[in-house]
Protein backbone atom coordinates (compact mmCIF):
# COMPACT_ATOMS: atom_id res chain seq x y z
CA MET A 1 7.67 2.98 5.41
CA THR A 2 9.23 6.18 4.23
CA GLY A 3 11.56 5.57 1.31
CA THR A 4 9.62 8.31 -0.46
CA GLU A 5 6.73 10.54 0.45
CA GLY A 6 4.08 8.14 1.16
CA ARG A 7 8.37 7.20 1.81
CA ILE A 8 2.49 8.40 5.78
CA ASP A 9 -2.62 9.65 4.66
CA THR A 10 -6.32 9.16 5.00
CA ALA A 11 -7.67 7.08 2.15
CA ASN A 12 -8.60 10.06 0.01
CA GLY A 13 -7.27 12.90 2.13
CA SER A 14 -10.27 15.19 1.76
CA GLY A 15 -10.04 17.68 4.59
CA SER A 16 -12.65 20.09 5.75
CA GLY A 17 -10.14 22.92 5.72
CA SER A 18 -9.56 22.84 1.97
CA ARG A 19 -9.36 26.20 0.25
CA THR A 20 -9.56 25.04 -3.34
CA GLY A 21 -10.27 27.95 -5.65
CA THR A 22 -13.73 27.09 -6.89
CA GLY A 23 -15.54 30.35 -6.19
CA SER A 24 -15.06 34.06 -5.64
CA PRO A 25 -12.33 35.08 -3.20
CA THR A 26 -13.84 35.60 0.24
CA ASP A 27 -11.09 37.85 1.63
CA ILE A 28 -11.70 40.79 -0.77
CA PRO A 29 -15.02 42.41 0.22
CA THR A 30 -16.97 44.76 -2.04
CA VAL A 31 -18.35 48.02 -0.63
CA SER A 32 -21.72 49.45 -1.66
CA ALA A 33 -22.03 53.24 -1.32
CA ALA A 34 -24.93 55.67 -1.49
CA PRO A 35 -25.34 57.39 -4.91
CA THR A 36 -24.20 60.77 -3.61
CA ALA A 37 -21.18 59.42 -1.70
CA PRO A 38 -17.84 58.54 -3.26
CA THR A 39 -17.14 54.85 -3.70
CA ALA A 40 -14.79 53.51 -1.06
CA PRO A 41 -11.59 52.12 -2.57
CA ALA A 42 -11.41 48.33 -2.62
CA PRO A 43 -8.65 46.71 -0.60
CA PRO A 44 -5.64 45.79 -2.70
CA THR A 45 -5.73 42.36 -4.32
CA ALA A 46 -3.39 39.80 -2.77
CA ARG A 47 -0.12 39.62 -4.65
CA GLN A 48 2.07 36.64 -5.27
CA ALA A 49 5.41 36.76 -3.42
CA ARG A 50 8.22 35.97 -5.83
CA ALA A 51 11.87 35.26 -5.12
CA GLY A 52 14.30 37.68 -6.71
CA LEU A 53 17.22 36.62 -8.85
CA ALA A 54 19.67 36.56 -5.93
CA GLU A 55 17.20 34.66 -3.73
CA THR A 56 16.59 32.13 -6.48
CA ALA A 57 20.30 31.55 -7.04
CA ARG A 58 20.81 31.06 -3.30
CA PHE A 59 17.81 28.68 -3.07
CA VAL A 60 19.11 26.51 -5.91
CA ALA A 61 22.71 26.52 -4.66
CA THR A 62 22.01 25.77 -1.00
CA HIS A 63 18.77 23.76 -1.10
CA THR A 64 17.57 22.13 -4.32
CA LEU A 65 20.95 21.30 -5.86
CA PRO A 66 22.26 19.68 -2.65
CA VAL A 67 19.12 17.52 -2.49
CA PHE A 68 19.77 16.29 -6.03
CA VAL A 69 23.47 15.63 -5.36
CA ARG A 70 22.69 13.72 -2.16
CA GLY A 71 20.32 11.43 -4.05
CA VAL A 72 16.56 11.74 -4.43
CA VAL A 73 15.84 7.99 -4.35
CA SER A 74 18.79 6.40 -2.59
CA ALA A 75 21.22 8.36 -0.44
CA ARG A 76 24.80 8.67 -1.68
CA PHE A 77 26.56 8.13 1.64
CA LYS A 78 29.84 9.74 0.58
CA VAL A 79 27.88 12.90 -0.22
CA VAL A 80 26.06 12.69 3.12
CA SER A 81 29.45 12.41 4.86
CA ALA A 82 30.64 15.55 3.07
CA TYR A 83 27.45 17.44 3.97
CA ALA A 84 27.92 16.48 7.61
CA ALA A 85 31.50 17.78 7.58
CA LEU A 86 30.48 21.03 5.85
CA ASP A 87 27.29 21.52 7.90
CA GLN A 88 25.35 21.89 4.66
CA TYR A 89 22.00 21.84 6.46
CA ARG A 90 22.85 25.17 8.12
CA TRP A 91 23.21 26.82 4.69
CA SER A 92 19.86 25.45 3.53
CA ALA A 93 18.08 26.46 6.76
CA ALA A 94 19.51 29.98 6.56
CA THR A 95 18.23 30.33 2.98
CA LEU A 96 14.72 29.16 3.89
CA ARG A 97 14.64 31.35 7.00
CA ALA A 98 15.64 34.38 4.93
CA LEU A 99 12.91 33.68 2.35
CA ARG A 100 10.31 33.33 5.10
CA GLU A 101 11.31 36.53 6.84
CA ARG A 102 11.65 38.67 3.71
CA HIS A 103 8.21 37.66 2.39
CA GLY A 104 6.41 37.62 5.72
CA GLY A 105 5.76 33.88 5.70
CA ALA A 106 3.70 34.08 2.49
CA PRO A 107 3.98 31.32 -0.14
CA VAL A 108 6.94 32.22 -2.34
CA ARG A 109 7.22 31.40 -6.02
CA VAL A 110 10.78 30.20 -6.68
CA ARG A 111 12.44 28.69 -9.69
CA GLY A 112 14.03 25.34 -8.84
CA LEU A 113 16.14 23.00 -10.93
CA SER A 114 13.19 21.80 -13.00
CA GLY A 115 10.89 24.81 -13.05
CA GLN A 116 8.75 27.12 -10.93
CA MET A 117 7.40 25.97 -7.60
CA LEU A 118 5.43 27.43 -4.72
CA VAL A 119 7.30 27.12 -1.40
CA LEU A 120 5.14 27.14 1.76
CA PHE A 121 6.25 28.60 5.11
CA ASP A 122 3.18 29.51 7.17
CA PRO A 123 1.63 26.84 9.46
CA GLU A 124 -1.85 27.51 8.05
CA ASP A 125 -0.62 27.03 4.49
CA ILE A 126 1.14 23.82 5.50
CA ARG A 127 -2.05 22.60 7.16
CA GLN A 128 -3.91 23.30 3.91
CA PHE A 129 -1.24 21.35 2.02
CA PHE A 130 -2.00 18.28 4.12
CA GLU A 131 -5.78 18.78 4.01
CA GLU A 132 -6.17 19.14 0.25
CA PRO A 133 -7.55 15.99 -1.40
CA VAL A 134 -4.96 14.01 -3.32
CA ARG A 135 -7.04 14.41 -6.45
CA THR A 136 -6.46 18.16 -6.13
CA LEU A 137 -2.93 18.19 -4.74
CA ALA A 138 -1.44 15.07 -6.29
CA MET A 139 1.58 13.02 -5.29
CA ASP A 140 2.90 12.40 -8.80
CA ALA A 141 4.79 15.66 -9.24
CA GLU A 142 7.18 15.66 -12.21
CA ASP A 143 10.31 15.69 -10.03
CA LYS A 144 9.12 12.53 -8.27
CA LEU A 145 8.29 10.83 -11.54
CA LYS A 146 11.74 11.58 -12.90
CA GLY A 147 13.31 9.79 -9.95
CA LEU A 148 10.86 6.90 -9.55
CA ARG A 149 9.76 6.08 -13.11
CA GLY A 150 12.48 3.49 -13.51
CA VAL A 151 12.26 2.21 -9.92
CA GLU A 152 8.52 1.68 -9.45
CA PRO A 153 6.70 2.82 -12.61
CA THR A 154 3.39 1.30 -11.50
CA GLY A 155 3.76 2.29 -7.85
CA VAL A 156 1.14 4.35 -6.04
CA ILE A 157 3.38 7.43 -5.92
CA CYS A 158 3.66 7.42 -9.73
CA SER A 159 -0.12 7.23 -10.16
CA HIS A 160 -3.11 9.56 -9.99
CA GLY A 161 -6.88 9.51 -10.25
CA ASP A 162 -8.83 6.26 -9.94
CA LEU A 163 -5.75 4.17 -10.70
CA ARG A 164 -3.93 5.78 -7.80
CA GLU A 165 -6.84 4.93 -5.48
CA ASP A 166 -6.85 1.30 -6.67
CA ARG A 167 -3.12 1.00 -6.01
CA ARG A 168 -3.40 2.80 -2.69
CA LYS A 169 -5.99 0.22 -1.64
CA VAL A 170 -3.50 -2.57 -2.33
CA ASN A 171 -0.99 -0.77 -0.09
CA ASP A 172 -3.54 -0.15 2.65
CA GLU A 173 -4.60 -3.81 2.78
CA ALA A 174 -1.15 -5.34 2.57
CA LEU A 175 0.43 -2.93 5.05
CA ALA A 176 -2.64 -2.90 7.32
CA TRP A 177 -2.77 0.88 7.24
CA GLY A 178 -4.53 2.36 10.24
CA SER A 179 -3.97 -0.74 12.42
CA PRO A 180 -1.55 -0.15 15.33
CA VAL A 181 -0.67 -3.87 15.26
CA HIS A 182 -0.13 -5.57 11.88
CA PRO A 183 -1.98 -8.93 11.54
CA ALA A 184 1.40 -10.57 10.72
CA CYS A 185 3.15 -8.93 13.66
CA ALA A 186 4.26 -12.24 15.22
CA PRO A 187 6.07 -13.69 12.16
CA TYR A 188 7.64 -10.28 11.42
CA GLN A 189 8.97 -10.04 14.97
CA ALA A 190 10.40 -13.55 14.63
CA VAL A 191 12.23 -12.45 11.46
CA VAL A 192 13.60 -9.38 13.27
CA GLU A 193 14.81 -11.48 16.19
CA GLU A 194 16.66 -13.91 13.92
CA GLU A 195 18.22 -11.30 11.66
CA SER A 196 19.24 -8.96 14.50
CA ARG A 197 21.49 -11.48 16.27
CA PRO A 198 24.61 -10.49 14.29
CA LEU A 199 24.18 -6.90 15.47
CA THR A 200 25.30 -7.81 18.99
CA ALA A 201 27.85 -10.49 18.07
CA ARG A 202 30.75 -8.06 18.54
CA THR A 203 31.54 -5.24 20.92
CA VAL A 204 31.40 -2.62 18.14
CA LEU A 205 28.36 -2.11 15.95
CA ASP A 206 28.86 -0.31 12.63
CA PHE A 207 26.44 0.90 9.98
CA GLU A 208 27.29 -1.82 7.46
CA ARG A 209 26.00 -4.54 9.80
CA VAL A 210 22.80 -2.55 10.38
CA ARG A 211 22.39 -2.17 6.61
CA ARG A 212 22.81 -5.89 5.97
CA CYS A 213 20.37 -6.72 8.77
CA LEU A 214 17.61 -4.47 7.42
CA ALA A 215 18.17 -5.68 3.83
CA ARG A 216 17.57 -9.29 4.88
CA ILE A 217 14.56 -8.32 6.98
CA SER A 218 13.20 -6.44 3.97
CA ARG A 219 13.42 -9.42 1.63
CA ARG A 220 11.98 -11.88 4.16
CA VAL A 221 9.08 -9.65 5.25
CA VAL A 222 8.16 -8.65 1.69
CA LEU A 223 8.94 -11.82 -0.30
CA GLY A 224 9.37 -14.64 2.21
CA ASP A 225 12.32 -16.58 3.60
CA ARG A 226 13.43 -17.92 0.21
CA ALA A 227 14.50 -14.41 -0.79
CA ALA A 228 16.66 -13.78 2.28
CA ASP A 229 20.00 -14.53 0.54
CA ASP A 230 19.14 -13.14 -2.90
CA GLU A 231 21.96 -10.63 -3.34
CA GLU A 232 21.47 -10.69 -7.10
CA LEU A 233 17.97 -9.21 -6.71
CA ALA A 234 19.37 -6.70 -4.23
CA GLY A 235 21.99 -5.68 -6.79
CA TRP A 236 19.38 -5.15 -9.51
CA LEU A 237 17.29 -2.99 -7.18
CA ARG A 238 20.37 -0.96 -6.18
CA THR A 239 21.12 -0.36 -9.85
CA LEU A 240 17.60 0.98 -10.45
CA ARG A 241 17.69 3.20 -7.36
CA ASP A 242 21.12 4.60 -8.20
CA GLU A 243 19.93 5.40 -11.70
CA GLY A 244 16.79 7.00 -10.24
CA ASN A 245 19.06 9.50 -8.50
CA TRP A 246 19.91 10.87 -11.95
CA MET A 247 16.21 11.70 -12.51
CA GLY A 248 16.26 10.54 -16.12
CA LEU A 249 19.18 12.69 -17.19
CA ARG A 250 21.17 9.71 -18.49
CA LYS A 251 18.97 8.97 -21.50
CA ASN A 252 21.39 6.37 -22.83
CA ARG A 253 20.62 4.17 -19.80
CA ALA A 254 16.85 4.02 -20.34
CA GLU A 255 16.65 0.71 -22.21
CA ALA A 256 19.19 -1.02 -19.96
CA ASN A 257 17.20 0.09 -16.90
CA LYS A 258 13.98 -1.30 -18.37
CA ALA A 259 15.72 -4.65 -18.81
CA VAL A 260 16.94 -4.61 -15.18
CA TYR A 261 13.45 -3.71 -13.97
CA ALA A 262 11.96 -6.59 -15.99
CA ARG A 263 14.44 -9.09 -14.50
CA ALA A 264 13.76 -7.83 -10.97
CA SER A 265 9.98 -7.96 -11.50
CA GLU A 266 10.18 -11.52 -12.84
CA ARG A 267 12.17 -12.61 -9.79
CA ILE A 268 9.70 -10.87 -7.44
CA ALA A 269 6.77 -12.61 -9.15
CA ALA A 270 8.49 -15.99 -8.73
CA TYR A 271 8.89 -15.43 -4.99
CA ALA A 272 5.34 -14.09 -4.65
CA ALA A 273 3.87 -17.17 -6.33
CA ASP A 274 4.60 -19.35 -3.31
CA ALA A 275 5.29 -16.77 -0.60
CA PRO A 276 3.88 -17.49 2.86
CA ALA A 277 0.57 -15.80 3.63
CA HIS A 278 2.18 -13.27 5.97
CA ALA A 279 4.63 -11.96 3.34
CA LEU A 280 3.60 -8.57 1.95
CA ALA A 281 3.80 -9.86 -1.64
CA ALA A 282 1.30 -12.61 -0.80
CA ARG A 283 -0.94 -10.12 0.96
CA ALA A 284 -0.85 -7.92 -2.16
CA LEU A 285 -2.20 -10.83 -4.21
CA ALA A 286 -4.82 -11.88 -1.66
CA HIS A 287 -7.65 -9.72 -3.02
CA PRO A 288 -9.02 -9.21 -6.54
CA VAL A 289 -8.09 -5.85 -8.05
CA PRO A 290 -9.20 -3.89 -11.14
CA GLU A 291 -7.29 -4.51 -14.34
CA GLY A 292 -4.09 -2.47 -14.60
CA THR A 293 -3.57 -2.14 -10.84
CA ASP A 294 -0.42 -4.33 -10.85
CA PRO A 295 -0.36 -5.30 -7.16
CA LEU A 296 3.18 -6.67 -7.37
CA GLY A 297 4.31 -3.34 -8.78
CA GLN A 298 3.93 -2.02 -5.22
CA VAL A 299 6.53 -4.48 -3.94
CA HIS A 300 9.39 -2.41 -5.36
CA HIS A 301 8.51 0.45 -3.05
CA TRP A 302 8.10 -1.77 0.00
CA LEU A 303 11.56 -3.25 -0.51
CA LEU A 304 12.99 0.25 -0.93
CA ALA A 305 11.19 1.56 2.16
CA ILE A 306 12.45 -1.16 4.52
CA ASP A 307 15.96 -1.00 3.06
CA VAL A 308 16.19 2.75 3.73
CA ALA A 309 15.08 2.17 7.32
CA ALA A 310 18.69 1.12 8.06
CA PRO A 311 19.85 4.74 8.47
CA VAL A 312 16.83 5.36 10.72
CA VAL A 313 17.80 2.50 13.04
CA ALA A 314 21.45 3.60 13.02
CA ARG A 315 20.64 7.20 13.86
CA THR A 316 18.17 6.20 16.57
CA LEU A 317 20.79 4.02 18.29
CA LEU A 318 23.42 6.73 17.89
CA LEU A 319 21.16 9.32 19.51
CA LEU A 320 20.35 6.94 22.35
CA ALA A 321 24.07 6.37 22.93
CA ASP A 322 24.47 10.07 23.70
CA HIS A 323 21.22 10.39 25.67
CA PRO A 324 21.66 7.84 28.49
CA ALA A 325 18.42 8.66 30.30
CA GLU A 326 16.42 8.09 27.12
CA GLN A 327 18.40 4.91 26.51
CA ASP A 328 17.45 3.59 29.95
CA ALA A 329 13.77 4.31 29.30
CA ALA A 330 13.97 2.56 25.93
CA HIS A 331 15.82 -0.35 27.50
CA ALA A 332 12.97 -0.74 30.01
CA ASP A 333 10.56 -1.00 27.06
CA ALA A 334 12.72 -3.68 25.49
CA VAL A 335 13.13 -5.89 28.57
CA THR A 336 9.53 -5.68 29.76
CA GLY A 337 8.14 -6.22 26.27
CA ALA A 338 5.80 -3.25 26.65
CA PRO A 339 2.98 -3.68 24.11
CA GLY A 340 3.94 -1.76 20.99
CA LEU A 341 7.24 -0.60 22.57
CA PRO A 342 5.85 2.95 22.95
CA ARG A 343 9.04 4.57 24.22
CA LEU A 344 11.18 3.00 21.49
CA ARG A 345 8.67 3.95 18.82
CA ALA A 346 8.79 7.52 20.11
CA CYS A 347 12.58 7.44 19.82
CA VAL A 348 12.31 6.29 16.19
CA GLN A 349 9.73 8.99 15.39
CA GLU A 350 11.95 11.63 16.97
CA SER A 351 14.95 10.39 14.98
CA VAL A 352 12.96 10.66 11.74
CA ARG A 353 11.73 14.13 12.71
CA LEU A 354 15.29 15.33 13.19
CA TYR A 355 16.69 13.48 10.17
CA PRO A 356 13.83 12.85 7.72
CA LEU A 357 14.24 10.44 4.84
CA VAL A 358 12.12 12.84 2.77
CA PRO A 359 13.09 16.40 3.77
CA ASP A 360 11.04 18.02 0.98
CA LEU A 361 7.38 17.17 0.33
CA VAL A 362 6.53 17.98 -3.29
CA ARG A 363 3.11 17.77 -4.90
CA VAL A 364 1.40 19.12 -8.01
CA THR A 365 -2.04 20.70 -8.32
CA ARG A 366 -4.57 18.98 -10.58
CA ALA A 367 -7.08 21.83 -10.26
CA GLU A 368 -6.98 25.53 -9.52
CA THR A 369 -6.08 26.19 -5.88
CA GLU A 370 -5.90 29.27 -3.71
CA TRP A 371 -3.09 30.07 -1.27
CA ARG A 372 -3.25 33.24 0.82
CA GLY A 373 -5.81 34.78 -1.54
CA VAL A 374 -3.77 34.09 -4.69
CA ARG A 375 -5.17 31.71 -7.31
CA HIS A 376 -2.81 29.20 -8.86
CA PRO A 377 -3.59 27.14 -11.97
CA ALA A 378 -3.55 23.38 -12.27
CA GLY A 379 -0.03 22.07 -12.78
CA THR A 380 1.54 24.20 -10.04
CA SER A 381 4.29 22.41 -8.10
CA VAL A 382 4.00 22.97 -4.34
CA LEU A 383 6.90 22.37 -1.94
CA VAL A 384 6.90 22.06 1.85
CA PRO A 385 10.50 21.90 3.16
CA ILE A 386 9.34 19.80 6.10
CA GLY A 387 12.88 18.93 7.19
CA PHE A 388 13.40 22.62 7.92
CA HIS A 389 10.00 23.29 9.50
CA GLN A 390 9.83 20.37 11.91
CA ARG A 391 13.14 21.15 13.61
CA ASP A 392 12.73 24.94 13.64
CA PRO A 393 12.83 25.97 17.33
CA SER A 394 10.68 29.03 16.58
CA ARG A 395 7.80 26.71 15.60
CA VAL A 396 8.56 23.43 17.41
CA PRO A 397 9.64 23.60 21.07
CA ALA A 398 13.19 22.26 21.45
CA GLY A 399 13.01 21.55 17.73
CA ASP A 400 16.74 20.92 17.35
CA LEU A 401 17.00 18.60 20.38
CA PHE A 402 16.24 14.89 20.82
CA VAL A 403 13.00 14.81 22.86
CA PRO A 404 11.18 11.49 22.24
CA GLY A 405 8.65 12.25 24.95
CA ARG A 406 6.89 14.71 22.62
CA TRP A 407 5.51 11.71 20.67
CA LEU A 408 3.85 10.28 23.79
CA GLU A 409 1.58 13.34 24.09
CA PRO A 410 -2.06 12.90 22.95
CA ASP A 411 -2.54 13.59 19.22
CA ALA A 412 1.16 14.32 18.69
CA ASP A 413 0.98 12.21 15.55
CA ARG A 414 -1.60 14.65 14.10
CA ASP A 415 0.47 17.77 14.73
CA THR A 416 1.11 19.20 11.26
CA ARG A 417 4.17 21.11 12.50
CA MET A 418 5.88 17.72 12.42
CA ALA A 419 5.45 15.13 9.68
CA PRO A 420 7.93 12.25 9.88
CA PHE A 421 5.43 10.18 7.91
CA SER A 422 3.46 13.08 6.33
CA HIS A 423 -0.27 13.70 6.92
CA GLY A 424 -3.55 13.60 5.07
CA GLY A 425 -3.96 11.88 1.72
CA GLY A 426 -0.20 11.53 1.27
CA ARG A 427 0.46 9.82 4.61
CA CYS A 428 2.58 6.70 4.25
CA PRO A 429 0.36 3.62 4.51
CA GLY A 430 3.30 1.71 6.01
CA ASP A 431 3.96 4.04 8.94
CA GLN A 432 2.89 1.56 11.62
CA LEU A 433 4.76 -1.34 10.02
CA ALA A 434 7.89 0.79 9.70
CA LEU A 435 7.71 1.72 13.38
CA LEU A 436 7.11 -1.93 14.30
CA LEU A 437 10.19 -3.18 12.45
CA THR A 438 12.60 -0.37 13.35
CA SER A 439 11.68 -0.27 17.04
CA ALA A 440 11.92 -4.08 17.21
CA VAL A 441 15.47 -4.01 15.77
CA CYS A 442 16.47 -1.35 18.30
CA ALA A 443 14.94 -3.43 21.08
CA GLN A 444 17.05 -6.44 20.09
CA VAL A 445 20.21 -4.34 20.51
CA LEU A 446 19.15 -2.64 23.74
CA ARG A 447 17.67 -5.63 25.53
CA GLY A 448 21.00 -7.02 26.73
CA HIS A 449 23.41 -4.19 26.00
CA ARG A 450 24.26 -0.65 26.87
CA ILE A 451 25.34 1.57 23.97
CA THR A 452 28.24 3.94 24.63
CA GLY A 453 30.99 5.74 22.77
CA GLY A 454 28.83 6.71 19.82
CA ARG A 455 30.65 8.00 16.75
CA PRO A 456 30.08 10.51 15.33
CA ALA A 457 29.59 12.04 18.78
CA VAL A 458 26.76 14.51 19.44
CA ASP A 459 26.31 16.86 22.38
CA PRO A 460 22.87 16.24 23.95
CA HIS A 461 22.88 19.71 25.51
CA ARG A 462 23.41 21.66 22.29
CA PRO A 463 21.42 21.90 19.03
CA LEU A 464 21.97 18.68 17.12
CA PRO A 465 23.78 18.85 13.78
CA GLY A 466 21.55 19.06 10.72
CA THR A 467 23.23 16.06 9.10
CA LEU A 468 24.78 12.96 10.66
CA ASP A 469 27.48 10.93 8.93
CA THR A 470 25.47 7.72 9.16
CA ALA A 471 27.92 5.56 7.20
CA ALA A 472 30.65 6.39 9.72
CA MET A 473 28.55 5.24 12.68
CA ARG A 474 30.35 3.22 15.36
CA LEU A 475 28.73 2.15 18.63
CA ARG A 476 30.35 0.34 21.54
CA LEU A 477 28.21 -2.39 23.11
CA THR A 478 28.67 -3.54 26.70
CA HIS A 479 26.63 -6.29 28.37
CA ARG A 480 24.10 -5.06 30.87
CA ARG A 481 24.04 -6.71 34.24
CA ASP A 482 20.54 -5.59 35.13
CA PRO A 483 18.41 -7.85 37.30
CA GLU A 484 15.90 -8.11 34.44
């Protein structure tokens, strides 16, 4: 479930490859010389790579500012449409590529919209990013807090230390993190089957119907069937998410947002009080927790995460429409009911790799850390532009093409070159549930239909565009006459 970075980690994320700066640097040797011989000069100390003024201006204009304008919590689809028309991703990728090449792949200190940050480019540095314990490289970076404080103030992403671990445990247990099959898989699949029927009721499928379908699935899976038609709650949550996109800049809205959050939380608690046992809200309340954990505070993120899966489903179906061989393989999964729908899940993972919900992974150090021989103090913001890295053909074979088969290779899900659900201590605890729900929706569409005439059209033989106009999606459905 990837609405934020989490919108996929080991429980504490302590990796053996950590290079936390707790001792003397090991890459700067000292040389002892005989008394009569001159002392050999010490190797130069590693220096921090810093972006120049022109590089910084370009980074802000083509990368960080467009991310803010697009929406850091909830995508502004009109902006996404404009970015697709302008090929904005190409500008951002060119900027990041230039930074990487000019500084030899070293971590680069750049000033973003809200302060200095360390941008990582080298695969070894990115691996360290994922291996650092969350207590050292924390999720609750200031930029995240600005966006999510009003949306999920007691959520796991807005927490650190012991409280973060307590809240993470609630997520792990409710979402059945680490289990390939969720214990409530059967009732969730029944919900998907019921709510997906309108998707194939007409010969043309558009994004709005996919959005409505996932919104209803979200409320039923998280809160139970009684919440299915609650558009008022949906409106309150939309208000909070839209305001989160402003990252706290509209100070005059603070009190009004608190009131909306309180109303939404009261409604969620009412549903949770008599929710069926399989609902995520009921699962959150099923175990005793330490005081202050606020298990129902996690529900806000779960609703957000399933809601934002609608663009993932839409893009996956759109890509399959223009890749007929992959569509036939996915269709075979759907009609045979292959356990776990492995081919369809691979298609969803590949869609999220190409078009990540969270293109930038941002964390903050809570202790001194060392990157490439340079010490950085606690409080350093660290950025991995994973949306750029995981579709870079120089690092990922056929990185800008739709190749779902890569996810069927052994240990592909542990490959840190690609992180559709992140890795390590920041890995989304709802990754398996997200794949279950999204692949099941796709299966409902593909089981009896062939998808053709996808709009916007993509050329399967050329590098895929960096941004797809998801809101403009139109797919033509024709009944299959297969013997199955």
